[in-house]
PDB file of all heavy atoms in Angstrom:
ATOM      1  N   VAL A   1       6.958   6.209  11.409  1.00  0.00           N
ATOM      2  CA  VAL A   1       6.286   7.362  10.829  1.00  0.00           C
ATOM      3  C   VAL A   1       4.883   6.909  10.438  1.00  0.00           C
ATOM      4  O   VAL A   1       4.718   5.943   9.685  1.00  0.00           O
ATOM      5  CB  VAL A   1       7.041   7.923   9.603  1.00  0.00           C
ATOM      6  CG1 VAL A   1       6.249   9.032   8.929  1.00  0.00           C
ATOM      7  CG2 VAL A   1       8.416   8.440  10.041  1.00  0.00           C
ATOM      8  N   ALA A   2       3.886   7.590  10.997  1.00  0.00           N
ATOM      9  CA  ALA A   2       2.479   7.289  10.701  1.00  0.00           C
ATOM     10  C   ALA A   2       1.958   8.337   9.722  1.00  0.00           C
ATOM     11  O   ALA A   2       2.241   9.529   9.865  1.00  0.00           O
ATOM     12  CB  ALA A   2       1.658   7.308  11.985  1.00  0.00           C
ATOM     13  N   LEU A   3       1.190   7.868   8.737  1.00  0.00           N
ATOM     14  CA  LEU A   3       0.669   8.737   7.681  1.00  0.00           C
ATOM     15  C   LEU A   3      -0.796   8.456   7.423  1.00  0.00           C
ATOM     16  O   LEU A   3      -1.237   7.307   7.542  1.00  0.00           O
ATOM     17  CB  LEU A   3       1.386   8.463   6.355  1.00  0.00           C
ATOM     18  CG  LEU A   3       2.891   8.527   6.333  1.00  0.00           C
ATOM     19  CD1 LEU A   3       3.456   7.553   5.336  1.00  0.00           C
ATOM     20  CD2 LEU A   3       3.288   9.937   5.959  1.00  0.00           C
ATOM     21  N   VAL A   4      -1.508   9.480   7.037  1.00  0.00           N
ATOM     22  CA  VAL A   4      -2.821   9.305   6.431  1.00  0.00           C
ATOM     23  C   VAL A   4      -2.645   9.734   4.988  1.00  0.00           C
ATOM     24  O   VAL A   4      -2.233  10.858   4.705  1.00  0.00           O
ATOM     25  CB  VAL A   4      -3.913  10.148   7.121  1.00  0.00           C
ATOM     26  CG1 VAL A   4      -5.244   9.992   6.374  1.00  0.00           C
ATOM     27  CG2 VAL A   4      -4.062   9.738   8.577  1.00  0.00           C
ATOM     28  N   ILE A   5      -2.924   8.800   4.091  1.00  0.00           N
ATOM     29  CA  ILE A   5      -2.827   9.049   2.662  1.00  0.00           C
ATOM     30  C   ILE A   5      -4.246   9.139   2.120  1.00  0.00           C
ATOM     31  O   ILE A   5      -5.108   8.337   2.485  1.00  0.00           O
ATOM     32  CB  ILE A   5      -2.052   7.918   1.953  1.00  0.00           C
ATOM     33  CG1 ILE A   5      -0.640   7.767   2.521  1.00  0.00           C
ATOM     34  CG2 ILE A   5      -2.041   8.121   0.443  1.00  0.00           C
ATOM     35  CD1 ILE A   5       0.312   8.883   2.212  1.00  0.00           C
ATOM     36  N   GLU A   6      -4.480  10.090   1.229  1.00  0.00           N
ATOM     37  CA  GLU A   6      -5.813  10.310   0.691  1.00  0.00           C
ATOM     38  C   GLU A   6      -5.775  10.371  -0.827  1.00  0.00           C
ATOM     39  O   GLU A   6      -4.836  10.895  -1.409  1.00  0.00           O
ATOM     40  CB  GLU A   6      -6.361  11.628   1.240  1.00  0.00           C
ATOM     41  CG  GLU A   6      -7.779  11.925   0.826  1.00  0.00           C
ATOM     42  CD  GLU A   6      -8.292  13.186   1.490  1.00  0.00           C
ATOM     43  OE1 GLU A   6      -8.711  13.123   2.654  1.00  0.00           O
ATOM     44  OE2 GLU A   6      -8.258  14.231   0.827  1.00  0.00           O
ATOM     45  N   GLY A   7      -6.825   9.821  -1.442  1.00  0.00           N
ATOM     46  CA  GLY A   7      -6.958   9.911  -2.882  1.00  0.00           C
ATOM     47  C   GLY A   7      -7.936   8.889  -3.416  1.00  0.00           C
ATOM     48  O   GLY A   7      -8.535   8.117  -2.655  1.00  0.00           O
ATOM     49  N   SER A   8      -8.086   8.856  -4.720  1.00  0.00           N
ATOM     50  CA  SER A   8      -8.992   7.910  -5.358  1.00  0.00           C
ATOM     51  C   SER A   8      -8.514   6.485  -5.126  1.00  0.00           C
ATOM     52  O   SER A   8      -7.369   6.153  -5.435  1.00  0.00           O
ATOM     53  CB  SER A   8      -9.067   8.176  -6.861  1.00  0.00           C
ATOM     54  OG  SER A   8      -9.638   9.435  -7.104  1.00  0.00           O
ATOM     55  N   ASP A   9      -9.402   5.679  -4.554  1.00  0.00           N
ATOM     56  CA  ASP A   9      -9.092   4.270  -4.276  1.00  0.00           C
ATOM     57  C   ASP A   9      -7.752   4.110  -3.555  1.00  0.00           C
ATOM     58  O   ASP A   9      -6.942   3.241  -3.880  1.00  0.00           O
ATOM     59  CB  ASP A   9      -9.123   3.444  -5.562  1.00  0.00           C
ATOM     60  CG  ASP A   9     -10.522   3.371  -6.142  1.00  0.00           C
ATOM     61  OD1 ASP A   9     -11.477   3.185  -5.371  1.00  0.00           O
ATOM     62  OD2 ASP A   9     -10.661   3.495  -7.371  1.00  0.00           O
ATOM     63  N   ALA A  10      -7.526   4.955  -2.556  1.00  0.00           N
ATOM     64  CA  ALA A  10      -6.242   4.984  -1.856  1.00  0.00           C
ATOM     65  C   ALA A  10      -5.911   3.663  -1.165  1.00  0.00           C
ATOM     66  O   ALA A  10      -4.743   3.276  -1.115  1.00  0.00           O
ATOM     67  CB  ALA A  10      -6.215   6.123  -0.838  1.00  0.00           C
ATOM     68  N   ILE A  11      -6.898   2.978  -0.630  1.00  0.00           N
ATOM     69  CA  ILE A  11      -6.608   1.737   0.097  1.00  0.00           C
ATOM     70  C   ILE A  11      -6.011   0.705  -0.852  1.00  0.00           C
ATOM     71  O   ILE A  11      -4.917   0.187  -0.622  1.00  0.00           O
ATOM     72  CB  ILE A  11      -7.875   1.208   0.804  1.00  0.00           C
ATOM     73  CG1 ILE A  11      -8.319   2.202   1.882  1.00  0.00           C
ATOM     74  CG2 ILE A  11      -7.625  -0.186   1.401  1.00  0.00           C
ATOM     75  CD1 ILE A  11      -9.716   1.969   2.419  1.00  0.00           C
ATOM     76  N   GLU A  12      -6.711   0.414  -1.923  1.00  0.00           N
ATOM     77  CA  GLU A  12      -6.225  -0.583  -2.877  1.00  0.00           C
ATOM     78  C   GLU A  12      -4.953  -0.109  -3.583  1.00  0.00           C
ATOM     79  O   GLU A  12      -4.013  -0.878  -3.782  1.00  0.00           O
ATOM     80  CB  GLU A  12      -7.312  -0.895  -3.906  1.00  0.00           C
ATOM     81  CG  GLU A  12      -6.944  -2.013  -4.854  1.00  0.00           C
ATOM     82  CD  GLU A  12      -8.054  -2.359  -5.827  1.00  0.00           C
ATOM     83  OE1 GLU A  12      -9.198  -1.924  -5.642  1.00  0.00           O
ATOM     84  OE2 GLU A  12      -7.751  -3.076  -6.798  1.00  0.00           O
ATOM     85  N   GLY A  13      -4.920   1.160  -3.963  1.00  0.00           N
ATOM     86  CA  GLY A  13      -3.745   1.693  -4.646  1.00  0.00           C
ATOM     87  C   GLY A  13      -2.492   1.662  -3.796  1.00  0.00           C
ATOM     88  O   GLY A  13      -1.415   1.293  -4.276  1.00  0.00           O
ATOM     89  N   CYS A  14      -2.634   2.040  -2.535  1.00  0.00           N
ATOM     90  CA  CYS A  14      -1.468   2.018  -1.641  1.00  0.00           C
ATOM     91  C   CYS A  14      -1.016   0.587  -1.373  1.00  0.00           C
ATOM     92  O   CYS A  14       0.187   0.304  -1.345  1.00  0.00           O
ATOM     93  CB  CYS A  14      -1.765   2.745  -0.341  1.00  0.00           C
ATOM     94  SG  CYS A  14      -1.836   4.545  -0.532  1.00  0.00           S
ATOM     95  N   ARG A  15      -1.972  -0.314  -1.191  1.00  0.00           N
ATOM     96  CA  ARG A  15      -1.601  -1.721  -0.963  1.00  0.00           C
ATOM     97  C   ARG A  15      -0.885  -2.307  -2.179  1.00  0.00           C
ATOM     98  O   ARG A  15       0.061  -3.078  -2.048  1.00  0.00           O
ATOM     99  CB  ARG A  15      -2.800  -2.536  -0.556  1.00  0.00           C
ATOM    100  CG  ARG A  15      -3.238  -2.187   0.881  1.00  0.00           C
ATOM    101  CD  ARG A  15      -4.367  -3.022   1.385  1.00  0.00           C
ATOM    102  NE  ARG A  15      -4.038  -4.422   1.555  1.00  0.00           N
ATOM    103  CZ  ARG A  15      -3.365  -4.951   2.580  1.00  0.00           C
ATOM    104  NH1 ARG A  15      -2.923  -4.159   3.548  1.00  0.00           N
ATOM    105  NH2 ARG A  15      -3.129  -6.240   2.653  1.00  0.00           N
ATOM    106  N   ALA A  16      -1.294  -1.916  -3.381  1.00  0.00           N
ATOM    107  CA  ALA A  16      -0.596  -2.367  -4.584  1.00  0.00           C
ATOM    108  C   ALA A  16       0.830  -1.816  -4.609  1.00  0.00           C
ATOM    109  O   ALA A  16       1.771  -2.522  -4.983  1.00  0.00           O
ATOM    110  CB  ALA A  16      -1.365  -1.943  -5.837  1.00  0.00           C
ATOM    111  N   SER A  17       0.987  -0.559  -4.202  1.00  0.00           N
ATOM    112  CA  SER A  17       2.321   0.048  -4.147  1.00  0.00           C
ATOM    113  C   SER A  17       3.195  -0.625  -3.107  1.00  0.00           C
ATOM    114  O   SER A  17       4.409  -0.741  -3.288  1.00  0.00           O
ATOM    115  CB  SER A  17       2.221   1.539  -3.823  1.00  0.00           C
ATOM    116  OG  SER A  17       1.590   2.235  -4.853  1.00  0.00           O
ATOM    117  N   ILE A  18       2.582  -1.038  -1.998  1.00  0.00           N
ATOM    118  CA  ILE A  18       3.327  -1.677  -0.906  1.00  0.00           C
ATOM    119  C   ILE A  18       3.810  -3.060  -1.315  1.00  0.00           C
ATOM    120  O   ILE A  18       4.946  -3.427  -1.062  1.00  0.00           O
ATOM    121  CB  ILE A  18       2.455  -1.748   0.366  1.00  0.00           C
ATOM    122  CG1 ILE A  18       2.248  -0.349   0.932  1.00  0.00           C
ATOM    123  CG2 ILE A  18       3.074  -2.676   1.404  1.00  0.00           C
ATOM    124  CD1 ILE A  18       1.170  -0.263   2.005  1.00  0.00           C
ATOM    125  N   GLY A  19       2.934  -3.872  -1.907  1.00  0.00           N
ATOM    126  CA  GLY A  19       3.307  -5.231  -2.305  1.00  0.00           C
ATOM    127  C   GLY A  19       2.916  -6.256  -1.266  1.00  0.00           C
ATOM    128  O   GLY A  19       2.440  -5.936  -0.180  1.00  0.00           O
ATOM    129  N   ALA A  20       3.119  -7.505  -1.597  1.00  0.00           N
ATOM    130  CA  ALA A  20       2.752  -8.636  -0.739  1.00  0.00           C
ATOM    131  C   ALA A  20       3.474  -8.567   0.607  1.00  0.00           C
ATOM    132  O   ALA A  20       4.593  -8.055   0.705  1.00  0.00           O
ATOM    133  CB  ALA A  20       3.073  -9.951  -1.436  1.00  0.00           C
ATOM    134  N   THR A  21       2.820  -9.108   1.637  1.00  0.00           N
ATOM    135  CA  THR A  21       3.373  -9.097   2.999  1.00  0.00           C
ATOM    136  C   THR A  21       4.766  -9.706   3.041  1.00  0.00           C
ATOM    137  O   THR A  21       5.662  -9.190   3.708  1.00  0.00           O
ATOM    138  CB  THR A  21       2.436  -9.858   3.953  1.00  0.00           C
ATOM    139  OG1 THR A  21       1.142  -9.235   3.904  1.00  0.00           O
ATOM    140  CG2 THR A  21       2.942  -9.823   5.385  1.00  0.00           C
ATOM    141  N   ASN A  22       4.956 -10.811   2.353  1.00  0.00           N
ATOM    142  CA  ASN A  22       6.263 -11.457   2.291  1.00  0.00           C
ATOM    143  C   ASN A  22       7.071 -10.803   1.173  1.00  0.00           C
ATOM    144  O   ASN A  22       6.747 -10.961  -0.005  1.00  0.00           O
ATOM    145  CB  ASN A  22       6.092 -12.956   2.018  1.00  0.00           C
ATOM    146  CG  ASN A  22       7.411 -13.691   2.027  1.00  0.00           C
ATOM    147  OD1 ASN A  22       8.480 -13.094   1.953  1.00  0.00           O
ATOM    148  ND2 ASN A  22       7.338 -15.012   2.107  1.00  0.00           N
ATOM    149  N   PRO A  23       8.125 -10.075   1.511  1.00  0.00           N
ATOM    150  CA  PRO A  23       8.904  -9.374   0.485  1.00  0.00           C
ATOM    151  C   PRO A  23       9.467 -10.301  -0.593  1.00  0.00           C
ATOM    152  O   PRO A  23       9.654  -9.867  -1.733  1.00  0.00           O
ATOM    153  CB  PRO A  23      10.037  -8.712   1.279  1.00  0.00           C
ATOM    154  CG  PRO A  23       9.491  -8.564   2.650  1.00  0.00           C
ATOM    155  CD  PRO A  23       8.610  -9.774   2.859  1.00  0.00           C
ATOM    156  N   ILE A  24       9.710 -11.556  -0.258  1.00  0.00           N
ATOM    157  CA  ILE A  24      10.229 -12.503  -1.244  1.00  0.00           C
ATOM    158  C   ILE A  24       9.202 -12.737  -2.345  1.00  0.00           C
ATOM    159  O   ILE A  24       9.540 -12.975  -3.503  1.00  0.00           O
ATOM    160  CB  ILE A  24      10.596 -13.843  -0.561  1.00  0.00           C
ATOM    161  CG1 ILE A  24      11.630 -13.625   0.548  1.00  0.00           C
ATOM    162  CG2 ILE A  24      11.072 -14.872  -1.571  1.00  0.00           C
ATOM    163  CD1 ILE A  24      12.932 -13.033   0.096  1.00  0.00           C
ATOM    164  N   LYS A  25       7.909 -12.632  -1.989  1.00  0.00           N
ATOM    165  CA  LYS A  25       6.831 -12.853  -2.954  1.00  0.00           C
ATOM    166  C   LYS A  25       6.277 -11.545  -3.523  1.00  0.00           C
ATOM    167  O   LYS A  25       5.432 -11.577  -4.413  1.00  0.00           O
ATOM    168  CB  LYS A  25       5.706 -13.645  -2.298  1.00  0.00           C
ATOM    169  CG  LYS A  25       6.140 -15.048  -1.907  1.00  0.00           C
ATOM    170  CD  LYS A  25       5.027 -15.821  -1.257  1.00  0.00           C
ATOM    171  CE  LYS A  25       5.535 -17.219  -0.882  1.00  0.00           C
ATOM    172  NZ  LYS A  25       4.511 -17.989  -0.184  1.00  0.00           N
ATOM    173  N   ALA A  26       6.743 -10.421  -3.024  1.00  0.00           N
ATOM    174  CA  ALA A  26       6.249  -9.122  -3.488  1.00  0.00           C
ATOM    175  C   ALA A  26       6.807  -8.817  -4.882  1.00  0.00           C
ATOM    176  O   ALA A  26       7.960  -9.134  -5.191  1.00  0.00           O
ATOM    177  CB  ALA A  26       6.654  -8.024  -2.501  1.00  0.00           C
TER     178      ALA A  26
END
């Protein structure tokens, strides 16, 4: 599923919500 998410500082905010690439370290 591909999404475009929009909002204030969406790039950094979404990446924070996603977490670190390695789930063990997220």
